[in-house]
Amino acid sequence: MILLRLSVFAVVLFQISSAVGAGTRSYWTVKSLPGLSGPLPFELETGYVGVGNPEEFQLFYYFIKSYGNPKTDPLILWLTGGPRCSTLSGIAFESGPINFEGEPKNGSIPQIILNPYSWTKKSSIIYIDLPVGTGFSYAKTSKDHKSGDYEQVYHSLQFLRKWWVDHPEFISNPFYVAGDSYAGMIVPVVVKEILEGNYKHIFPFINFQGYILGNPITTPRSNKNFEIPFAHNMALISDELFESLKTSCQGEYVNIDPNNVECLRYHDMFKKCTSTVLDACILWPKCSSLKEPDVSEPNMSGTHRSLYNVPVDRRCRVYDYLLAYYWANNDQVRKALHIHEGSIGEWIRCRDRHHYNVELDSVFPYHVNLSSKGYRSLVYSGDHDMIVSHMDTQAWIKSLNYSIVDDWRPWYIEDEVAGYTRSFANKMTFATIKGGGHTAEYKRKECSILFNRWIVGESL
């Protein structure tokens, strides 16, 4: 039913293709950014692409050209997870060329520092704010639009179709789709629809080569069920508690029967053991002093909340998020990025995910489908992530039932183990990032080196 419903996207795209050039799209070359002295040392383009009918939704994007040879280097569409997390996270904390430093003070602009491990050294990347209402993307007439999985896929395809009309010089570049976390639910579906479009000649032929996923959610209930086995493997809970949980809960740790008192009791013990652990990366401190609010939603007093002047420990991951908040909400920054004036209120890194329709139960069938076609794929996991653990990812990869062509072994950076890897007959490579967390931000160097080797076909 899901495959049937999504396959109509290609038909809809065909119907709108004749009108692709009719809408007004705008993009700009950005030469400098507030917070960085001098001109940008890389080529940055920002812009909007209108999707929907009649272009009701304005999708904001950043396009960073490869430092190498943009005419021939791979082109990547980067989809950020969440859902509803701004793609600025990808640029500033994961695969992109910048980060921020400084003190979060009202009216100040955090300084930009350059990331020496940007994936743009060997590829051009389109970072897009999806779904609508995320980051700087917006709906022209409705501030309360509720997006969902199907719409996000549909808008991704519309975006690409229109973006290539304005950038035909990139249509022949090797093309990949990448993302992490909740984007694991979107990327395989987008890929499947791209291949359908190629097969049915709906698009100009897209030189699709493969896809990349980091700690991807694949079956949401499954990833939650692996939290307890992961916690046991990482010595966060005792052998005795784990055995009691297995026996009383029978492997079901999400939708626990309310009458199963014993399972509930042991599960409560598990939560007490792990409540002060940062589930995104158990090696990092968990900071409870900052809860990133959705400022589009009023609080109980009816006023809008703000993150200005919120104290955060520098050791905390959210310290960098706070700097991004100050930077993206600065008027000079918005002018430099060419943000449509009055299009959004305060920029928030991750919006409330409850204002989103989760419609896909699992994308495992899409991996089955794509595996049969033999396209390349890279799936990597930070091995200290408890949100989508490597155990969950390895379980569904194993269920694809492909033979191993390069068995489990360490991969190295400068003679030190950076993680472990295994490759399969369906051209899928799985790799762990030693000490890594839920996204590439916890180990930017290692993730970048992994990507750089894989994208050019080198052995890890």
Protein backbone atom coordinates (compact mmCIF):
# COMPACT_ATOMS: atom_id res chain seq x y z
CA MET A 1 0.00 0.00 0.00
CA ILE A 2 2.83 2.39 0.86
CA LEU A 3 4.74 1.56 -2.32
CA LEU A 4 1.58 2.08 -4.39
CA ARG A 5 0.78 5.39 -2.74
CA LEU A 6 4.29 6.77 -3.21
CA SER A 7 4.56 5.60 -6.81
CA VAL A 8 1.97 8.18 -7.81
CA PHE A 9 4.54 10.88 -7.02
CA ALA A 10 6.28 10.18 -10.30
CA VAL A 11 3.00 10.67 -12.16
CA VAL A 12 2.33 13.94 -10.36
CA LEU A 13 5.84 15.14 -11.16
CA PHE A 14 5.23 14.36 -14.81
CA GLN A 15 2.04 16.42 -14.69
CA ILE A 16 3.86 19.44 -13.27
CA SER A 17 6.94 19.11 -15.49
CA SER A 18 5.51 21.28 -18.25
CA ALA A 19 5.00 24.07 -15.73
CA VAL A 20 8.46 23.83 -14.15
CA GLY A 21 9.71 27.01 -15.75
CA ALA A 22 6.57 28.99 -14.97
CA GLY A 23 7.24 29.68 -11.28
CA THR A 24 9.56 32.29 -9.86
CA ARG A 25 12.61 30.84 -8.20
CA SER A 26 15.46 32.82 -6.80
CA TYR A 27 19.02 32.06 -5.79
CA TRP A 28 22.09 34.05 -4.95
CA THR A 29 25.84 33.65 -4.73
CA VAL A 30 26.97 34.41 -1.17
CA LYS A 31 30.49 35.82 -1.04
CA SER A 32 30.78 36.47 2.70
CA LEU A 33 29.02 35.66 5.96
CA PRO A 34 28.76 37.58 9.24
CA GLY A 35 31.05 36.03 11.81
CA LEU A 36 33.82 35.26 9.30
CA SER A 37 36.37 37.86 8.34
CA GLY A 38 37.14 38.12 4.65
CA PRO A 39 35.51 36.33 1.72
CA LEU A 40 34.20 32.78 2.01
CA PRO A 41 36.87 30.24 1.07
CA PHE A 42 34.25 28.10 -0.66
CA GLU A 43 31.43 28.68 -3.16
CA LEU A 44 28.05 29.07 -1.48
CA GLU A 45 24.68 29.56 -3.10
CA THR A 46 21.41 30.05 -1.21
CA GLY A 47 17.93 30.19 -2.59
CA TYR A 48 14.31 29.13 -2.60
CA VAL A 49 12.47 26.63 -4.75
CA GLY A 50 8.69 26.80 -4.80
CA VAL A 51 6.83 23.49 -4.58
CA GLY A 52 3.19 22.54 -4.27
CA ASN A 53 0.45 24.11 -6.29
CA PRO A 54 0.80 26.98 -6.99
CA GLU A 55 4.25 27.01 -5.34
CA GLU A 56 2.64 27.56 -1.96
CA PHE A 57 5.67 26.13 -0.18
CA GLN A 58 9.05 27.85 -0.40
CA LEU A 59 11.92 25.47 0.30
CA PHE A 60 15.15 27.14 1.36
CA TYR A 61 18.48 25.55 0.48
CA TYR A 62 22.23 26.03 0.73
CA PHE A 63 24.35 24.73 -2.15
CA ILE A 64 28.08 24.35 -1.52
CA LYS A 65 30.25 23.47 -4.48
CA SER A 66 33.03 20.91 -4.25
CA TYR A 67 36.48 22.23 -3.41
CA GLY A 68 37.81 19.90 -6.08
CA ASN A 69 36.18 19.88 -9.51
CA PRO A 70 32.47 20.77 -9.26
CA LYS A 71 31.99 19.89 -12.95
CA THR A 72 32.72 16.20 -12.36
CA ASP A 73 32.71 15.57 -8.59
CA PRO A 74 29.67 13.84 -7.04
CA LEU A 75 26.57 15.87 -6.20
CA ILE A 76 24.80 15.02 -2.94
CA LEU A 77 21.32 15.91 -1.71
CA TRP A 78 21.55 16.11 2.10
CA LEU A 79 18.35 15.55 4.10
CA THR A 80 18.56 16.33 7.82
CA GLY A 81 16.66 14.19 10.32
CA GLY A 82 14.46 15.15 13.24
CA PRO A 83 12.04 15.24 11.59
CA ARG A 84 11.89 19.05 11.34
CA CYS A 85 15.55 19.79 12.12
CA SER A 86 17.12 22.55 10.05
CA THR A 87 19.74 21.59 7.52
CA LEU A 88 22.04 24.19 9.12
CA SER A 89 22.77 21.34 11.54
CA GLY A 90 24.22 19.39 8.64
CA ILE A 91 26.31 22.33 7.47
CA ALA A 92 27.59 23.50 10.86
CA PHE A 93 27.82 20.28 12.89
CA GLU A 94 28.03 17.31 10.54
CA SER A 95 29.17 17.19 6.91
CA GLY A 96 29.51 20.89 6.11
CA PRO A 97 32.41 23.35 6.14
CA ILE A 98 31.68 25.52 9.21
CA ASN A 99 31.09 25.58 12.95
CA PHE A 100 30.58 28.34 15.50
CA GLU A 101 32.47 29.62 18.50
CA GLY A 102 32.08 32.48 20.96
CA GLU A 103 29.87 33.60 23.81
CA PRO A 104 26.09 33.58 23.31
CA LYS A 105 25.24 37.22 24.05
CA ASN A 106 22.13 39.04 22.90
CA GLY A 107 22.99 41.17 19.88
CA SER A 108 26.32 39.46 19.23
CA ILE A 109 27.21 37.31 16.21
CA PRO A 110 29.02 34.06 16.98
CA GLN A 111 32.25 33.61 15.07
CA ILE A 112 32.45 31.13 12.20
CA ILE A 113 35.31 28.66 12.27
CA LEU A 114 36.15 26.49 9.27
CA ASN A 115 35.82 22.72 9.46
CA PRO A 116 38.90 21.05 7.91
CA TYR A 117 36.91 17.83 7.55
CA SER A 118 34.07 19.05 5.34
CA TRP A 119 32.61 16.49 2.95
CA THR A 120 32.62 19.24 0.33
CA LYS A 121 36.31 18.59 -0.23
CA LYS A 122 35.28 15.87 -2.67
CA SER A 123 31.62 16.57 -3.42
CA SER A 124 29.09 19.31 -3.98
CA ILE A 125 26.22 19.22 -1.50
CA ILE A 126 22.68 20.62 -1.60
CA TYR A 127 21.42 21.14 1.97
CA ILE A 128 17.65 21.63 2.00
CA ASP A 129 15.34 22.69 4.83
CA LEU A 130 12.65 19.98 4.78
CA PRO A 131 9.84 19.46 5.62
CA VAL A 132 7.99 22.77 5.13
CA GLY A 133 8.21 24.84 8.31
CA THR A 134 11.75 23.63 9.04
CA GLY A 135 14.62 26.10 9.26
CA PHE A 136 14.00 28.91 6.76
CA SER A 137 11.46 27.03 4.60
CA TYR A 138 7.90 28.28 4.88
CA ALA A 139 4.35 28.17 3.58
CA LYS A 140 3.22 31.43 1.96
CA THR A 141 -0.35 31.42 3.30
CA SER A 142 -0.38 29.08 6.30
CA LYS A 143 1.84 29.29 9.36
CA ASP A 144 0.35 26.09 10.82
CA HIS A 145 0.87 23.70 7.92
CA LYS A 146 1.39 20.13 9.14
CA SER A 147 3.70 18.14 6.91
CA GLY A 148 4.45 14.42 6.94
CA ASP A 149 6.51 11.62 5.43
CA TYR A 150 4.68 11.44 2.08
CA GLU A 151 4.76 15.18 1.55
CA GLN A 152 8.45 15.39 2.46
CA VAL A 153 9.26 12.78 -0.19
CA TYR A 154 7.05 14.53 -2.74
CA HIS A 155 8.61 17.93 -2.05
CA SER A 156 12.13 16.47 -2.29
CA LEU A 157 11.36 15.21 -5.78
CA GLN A 158 9.74 18.45 -6.86
CA PHE A 159 12.69 20.38 -5.49
CA LEU A 160 15.20 18.31 -7.45
CA ARG A 161 13.20 18.52 -10.68
CA LYS A 162 13.08 22.30 -10.47
CA TRP A 163 16.59 22.79 -9.11
CA TRP A 164 18.08 20.97 -12.09
CA VAL A 165 16.17 23.23 -14.48
CA ASP A 166 18.20 26.13 -13.06
CA HIS A 167 21.41 24.08 -12.75
CA PRO A 168 21.53 21.87 -15.85
CA GLU A 169 25.32 21.73 -15.71
CA PHE A 170 25.06 19.30 -12.75
CA ILE A 171 22.60 16.80 -14.26
CA SER A 172 25.40 14.48 -15.44
CA ASN A 173 27.35 14.49 -12.16
CA PRO A 174 27.31 11.25 -10.13
CA PHE A 175 24.35 11.79 -7.80
CA TYR A 176 23.81 10.51 -4.25
CA VAL A 177 21.15 11.07 -1.58
CA ALA A 178 22.35 11.26 2.03
CA GLY A 179 20.94 11.84 5.50
CA ASP A 180 20.94 10.64 9.06
CA SER A 181 18.63 9.85 11.96
CA TYR A 182 14.97 10.30 10.89
CA ALA A 183 16.13 10.98 7.32
CA GLY A 184 16.66 7.22 7.27
CA MET A 185 12.88 7.03 6.81
CA ILE A 186 12.91 9.45 3.86
CA VAL A 187 16.11 8.82 1.86
CA PRO A 188 15.30 5.26 0.66
CA VAL A 189 11.86 6.37 -0.54
CA VAL A 190 13.27 9.39 -2.39
CA VAL A 191 15.84 7.11 -4.02
CA LYS A 192 13.20 4.62 -5.11
CA GLU A 193 11.15 7.40 -6.72
CA ILE A 194 14.20 8.83 -8.50
CA LEU A 195 14.88 5.41 -10.02
CA GLU A 196 11.22 5.13 -11.06
CA GLY A 197 11.49 8.53 -12.71
CA ASN A 198 14.60 7.45 -14.59
CA TYR A 199 12.98 4.19 -15.73
CA LYS A 200 9.81 5.92 -16.94
CA HIS A 201 11.73 8.86 -18.48
CA ILE A 202 9.84 11.34 -16.29
CA PHE A 203 12.99 13.25 -15.35
CA PRO A 204 15.94 14.20 -17.45
CA PHE A 205 18.12 11.16 -16.77
CA ILE A 206 19.63 11.45 -13.27
CA ASN A 207 23.06 9.87 -12.90
CA PHE A 208 22.12 8.18 -9.64
CA GLN A 209 24.93 6.17 -8.05
CA GLY A 210 23.94 5.42 -4.47
CA TYR A 211 22.87 6.58 -1.02
CA ILE A 212 24.43 7.30 2.36
CA LEU A 213 22.81 6.89 5.79
CA GLY A 214 24.10 7.67 9.27
CA ASN A 215 22.51 6.00 12.32
CA PRO A 216 19.29 5.76 10.30
CA ILE A 217 15.87 5.07 11.73
CA THR A 218 14.51 2.25 9.57
CA THR A 219 11.70 0.73 11.65
CA PRO A 220 10.93 3.14 14.53
CA ARG A 221 9.61 0.54 16.95
CA SER A 222 12.63 -1.66 16.31
CA ASN A 223 15.18 1.01 17.16
CA LYS A 224 13.42 1.64 20.50
CA ASN A 225 13.45 -2.07 21.30
CA PHE A 226 17.22 -2.20 20.86
CA GLU A 227 17.86 0.41 23.57
CA ILE A 228 17.87 -2.20 26.34
CA PRO A 229 20.17 -4.74 24.62
CA PHE A 230 22.51 -1.85 23.74
CA ALA A 231 22.49 -0.58 27.34
CA HIS A 232 23.39 -4.07 28.51
CA ASN A 233 26.23 -4.41 25.99
CA MET A 234 27.63 -1.05 27.11
CA ALA A 235 27.44 -2.02 30.83
CA LEU A 236 24.78 0.59 31.62
CA ILE A 237 22.61 -2.10 33.22
CA SER A 238 23.54 -5.30 35.01
CA ASP A 239 23.37 -8.83 33.61
CA GLU A 240 20.69 -9.66 36.15
CA LEU A 241 18.46 -6.73 35.19
CA PHE A 242 18.85 -7.52 31.50
CA GLU A 243 17.89 -11.17 32.03
CA SER A 244 14.88 -10.10 34.10
CA LEU A 245 13.78 -7.69 31.38
CA LYS A 246 14.15 -10.34 28.67
CA THR A 247 12.17 -12.89 30.66
CA SER A 248 9.36 -10.62 31.86
CA CYS A 249 8.95 -8.42 28.74
CA GLN A 250 9.58 -11.11 26.11
CA GLY A 251 11.56 -8.69 23.95
CA GLU A 252 8.82 -6.04 23.81
CA TYR A 253 10.06 -2.86 25.50
CA VAL A 254 7.97 -0.22 23.71
CA ASN A 255 4.28 -1.09 23.90
CA ILE A 256 4.38 -2.86 27.23
CA ASP A 257 1.21 -4.54 28.37
CA PRO A 258 -0.06 -2.36 31.26
CA ASN A 259 -1.01 -5.55 33.09
CA ASN A 260 2.54 -6.88 32.93
CA VAL A 261 3.53 -5.49 36.30
CA GLU A 262 6.84 -7.33 36.45
CA CYS A 263 7.99 -6.02 33.08
CA LEU A 264 6.97 -2.47 34.02
CA ARG A 265 8.89 -2.71 37.27
CA TYR A 266 12.11 -3.86 35.59
CA HIS A 267 11.66 -1.30 32.82
CA ASP A 268 11.42 1.44 35.43
CA MET A 269 14.71 0.19 36.88
CA PHE A 270 16.25 0.42 33.40
CA LYS A 271 15.07 4.03 33.03
CA LYS A 272 16.53 4.97 36.42
CA CYS A 273 19.91 3.51 35.42
CA THR A 274 20.02 5.43 32.14
CA SER A 275 18.09 8.62 32.89
CA THR A 276 21.25 10.69 33.36
CA VAL A 277 22.99 9.30 30.27
CA LEU A 278 22.93 11.25 27.00
CA ASP A 279 21.25 8.75 24.70
CA ALA A 280 22.63 10.42 21.54
CA CYS A 281 26.18 9.66 22.69
CA ILE A 282 26.66 7.97 26.04
CA LEU A 283 30.22 9.32 26.32
CA TRP A 284 29.05 12.94 26.43
CA PRO A 285 27.56 14.76 29.44
CA LYS A 286 23.78 15.02 29.54
CA CYS A 287 22.73 18.62 30.07
CA SER A 288 19.29 19.20 31.48
CA SER A 289 19.68 22.97 31.83
CA LEU A 290 18.44 23.70 28.32
CA LYS A 291 15.34 22.36 26.64
CA GLU A 292 15.29 23.71 23.13
CA PRO A 293 11.72 25.03 22.75
CA ASP A 294 9.69 25.49 19.60
CA VAL A 295 9.23 29.24 19.77
CA SER A 296 6.44 29.05 17.21
CA GLU A 297 4.33 27.57 20.00
CA PRO A 298 3.27 29.84 22.89
CA ASN A 299 3.83 28.66 26.42
CA MET A 300 1.13 28.36 29.09
CA SER A 301 1.15 32.10 29.77
CA GLY A 302 0.39 32.76 26.10
CA THR A 303 3.77 34.37 25.38
CA HIS A 304 6.48 33.03 23.09
CA ARG A 305 9.60 31.62 24.63
CA SER A 306 13.13 32.45 23.56
CA LEU A 307 16.60 30.96 23.97
CA TYR A 308 18.30 34.32 24.41
CA ASN A 309 20.34 34.64 27.61
CA VAL A 310 19.97 30.95 28.50
CA PRO A 311 23.14 29.77 30.30
CA VAL A 312 24.68 26.58 28.91
CA ASP A 313 27.88 24.78 29.91
CA ARG A 314 30.48 24.82 27.12
CA ARG A 315 30.96 21.07 27.55
CA CYS A 316 27.39 20.46 26.46
CA ARG A 317 26.46 19.61 22.90
CA VAL A 318 23.63 22.14 23.10
CA TYR A 319 26.16 24.94 23.58
CA ASP A 320 26.94 24.79 19.86
CA TYR A 321 23.22 24.64 19.10
CA LEU A 322 22.72 27.83 21.08
CA LEU A 323 25.43 29.58 19.08
CA ALA A 324 23.66 28.52 15.88
CA TYR A 325 20.45 30.00 17.29
CA TYR A 326 22.11 33.37 17.87
CA TRP A 327 23.75 33.30 14.44
CA ALA A 328 20.68 32.34 12.41
CA ASN A 329 18.45 34.87 14.18
CA ASN A 330 20.78 37.80 13.49
CA ASP A 331 19.44 40.35 10.99
CA GLN A 332 22.82 40.67 9.25
CA VAL A 333 23.00 36.92 8.79
CA ARG A 334 19.51 36.74 7.33
CA LYS A 335 20.34 39.53 4.92
CA ALA A 336 23.54 37.76 3.85
CA LEU A 337 21.66 34.50 3.29
CA HIS A 338 18.88 36.37 1.39
CA ILE A 339 16.12 35.11 3.68
CA HIS A 340 12.72 36.41 2.60
CA GLU A 341 11.83 39.17 5.02
CA GLY A 342 8.94 38.30 7.31
CA SER A 343 8.79 34.69 6.07
CA ILE A 344 9.47 33.13 9.49
CA GLY A 345 9.74 34.29 13.07
CA GLU A 346 12.61 32.97 15.16
CA TRP A 347 14.78 30.30 13.60
CA ILE A 348 14.84 27.09 15.64
CA ARG A 349 17.25 24.24 14.98
CA CYS A 350 14.65 21.52 15.58
CA ARG A 351 10.93 22.21 15.59
CA ASP A 352 8.39 20.25 17.62
CA ARG A 353 8.14 16.84 15.94
CA HIS A 354 4.59 16.38 17.18
CA HIS A 355 3.54 18.85 14.49
CA TYR A 356 4.38 16.22 11.85
CA ASN A 357 2.60 13.19 10.42
CA VAL A 358 4.68 10.03 10.82
CA GLU A 359 3.16 7.89 8.06
CA LEU A 360 5.77 5.24 7.22
CA ASP A 361 5.91 2.21 9.51
CA SER A 362 9.15 0.88 8.05
CA VAL A 363 11.42 1.50 5.07
CA PHE A 364 13.00 -1.95 5.20
CA PRO A 365 11.02 -2.98 2.05
CA TYR A 366 12.69 -0.10 0.22
CA HIS A 367 16.13 -1.38 1.17
CA VAL A 368 15.10 -4.81 -0.12
CA ASN A 369 14.04 -3.21 -3.39
CA LEU A 370 17.17 -1.06 -3.75
CA SER A 371 19.50 -3.92 -2.83
CA SER A 372 18.19 -5.94 -5.76
CA LYS A 373 19.21 -3.13 -8.12
CA GLY A 374 22.85 -3.15 -7.06
CA TYR A 375 23.43 0.53 -6.33
CA ARG A 376 26.16 1.50 -3.88
CA SER A 377 25.24 2.33 -0.31
CA LEU A 378 27.15 3.38 2.79
CA VAL A 379 25.52 2.90 6.19
CA TYR A 380 27.50 4.09 9.21
CA SER A 381 26.80 4.06 12.94
CA GLY A 382 28.37 5.90 15.84
CA ASP A 383 28.91 2.97 18.19
CA HIS A 384 27.91 4.93 21.33
CA ASP A 385 24.48 5.99 20.06
CA MET A 386 21.58 4.60 22.10
CA ILE A 387 18.84 6.28 20.01
CA VAL A 388 19.45 4.22 16.87
CA SER A 389 22.10 1.77 17.94
CA HIS A 390 24.44 -0.10 15.63
CA MET A 391 22.73 -3.29 16.85
CA ASP A 392 19.43 -2.22 15.30
CA THR A 393 21.09 -1.20 12.03
CA GLN A 394 23.08 -4.42 11.77
CA ALA A 395 19.92 -6.44 12.42
CA TRP A 396 18.02 -5.10 9.39
CA ILE A 397 21.14 -5.24 7.20
CA LYS A 398 21.53 -8.90 8.14
CA SER A 399 17.86 -9.47 7.25
CA LEU A 400 18.62 -8.42 3.67
CA ASN A 401 20.39 -11.79 3.52
CA TYR A 402 23.26 -10.85 1.24
CA SER A 403 26.55 -12.68 1.38
CA ILE A 404 29.55 -11.00 2.98
CA VAL A 405 32.35 -10.06 0.57
CA ASP A 406 34.64 -8.33 3.10
CA ASP A 407 34.14 -9.64 6.61
CA TRP A 408 34.20 -7.73 9.89
CA ARG A 409 37.49 -5.93 10.37
CA PRO A 410 38.85 -2.69 11.81
CA TRP A 411 39.37 0.36 9.61
CA TYR A 412 42.13 2.80 10.46
CA ILE A 413 43.11 6.44 10.51
CA GLU A 414 46.88 6.93 10.91
CA ASP A 415 47.36 3.41 12.29
CA GLU A 416 44.64 3.83 14.91
CA VAL A 417 41.35 1.94 14.84
CA ALA A 418 38.59 4.37 13.81
CA GLY A 419 35.84 1.76 13.76
CA TYR A 420 34.86 -1.54 12.18
CA THR A 421 33.42 -2.38 8.79
CA ARG A 422 31.83 -5.11 6.71
CA SER A 423 30.78 -5.16 3.04
CA PHE A 424 28.09 -7.16 1.28
CA ALA A 425 27.35 -8.52 -2.17
CA ASN A 426 24.64 -5.89 -2.75
CA LYS A 427 27.37 -3.19 -2.76
CA MET A 428 26.39 -2.08 0.74
CA THR A 429 29.15 -1.06 3.14
CA PHE A 430 28.46 -0.89 6.87
CA ALA A 431 30.90 0.88 9.18
CA THR A 432 31.00 1.87 12.82
CA ILE A 433 32.58 5.07 14.11
CA LYS A 434 34.48 4.30 17.31
CA GLY A 435 33.33 6.67 20.03
CA GLY A 436 30.71 8.20 17.72
CA GLY A 437 27.16 9.17 18.55
CA HIS A 438 23.81 9.60 16.84
CA THR A 439 25.02 11.97 14.11
CA ALA A 440 28.33 12.83 12.47
CA GLU A 441 28.78 15.85 14.76
CA TYR A 442 30.29 13.68 17.50
CA LYS A 443 33.16 12.51 15.25
CA ARG A 444 33.39 14.87 12.29
CA LYS A 445 36.95 13.89 11.33
CA GLU A 446 36.32 10.16 11.32
CA CYS A 447 33.02 10.47 9.44
CA SER A 448 34.63 12.70 6.83
CA ILE A 449 37.54 10.35 6.22
CA LEU A 450 35.13 7.42 6.00
CA PHE A 451 33.06 9.28 3.40
CA ASN A 452 36.07 10.50 1.40
CA ARG A 453 37.40 6.98 1.04
CA TRP A 454 34.05 5.45 0.16
CA ILE A 455 32.90 8.09 -2.35
CA VAL A 456 35.98 7.50 -4.55
CA GLY A 457 35.79 3.73 -4.22
CA GLU A 458 38.79 3.23 -1.94
CA SER A 459 38.90 0.44 0.60
CA LEU A 460 38.19 1.66 4.10
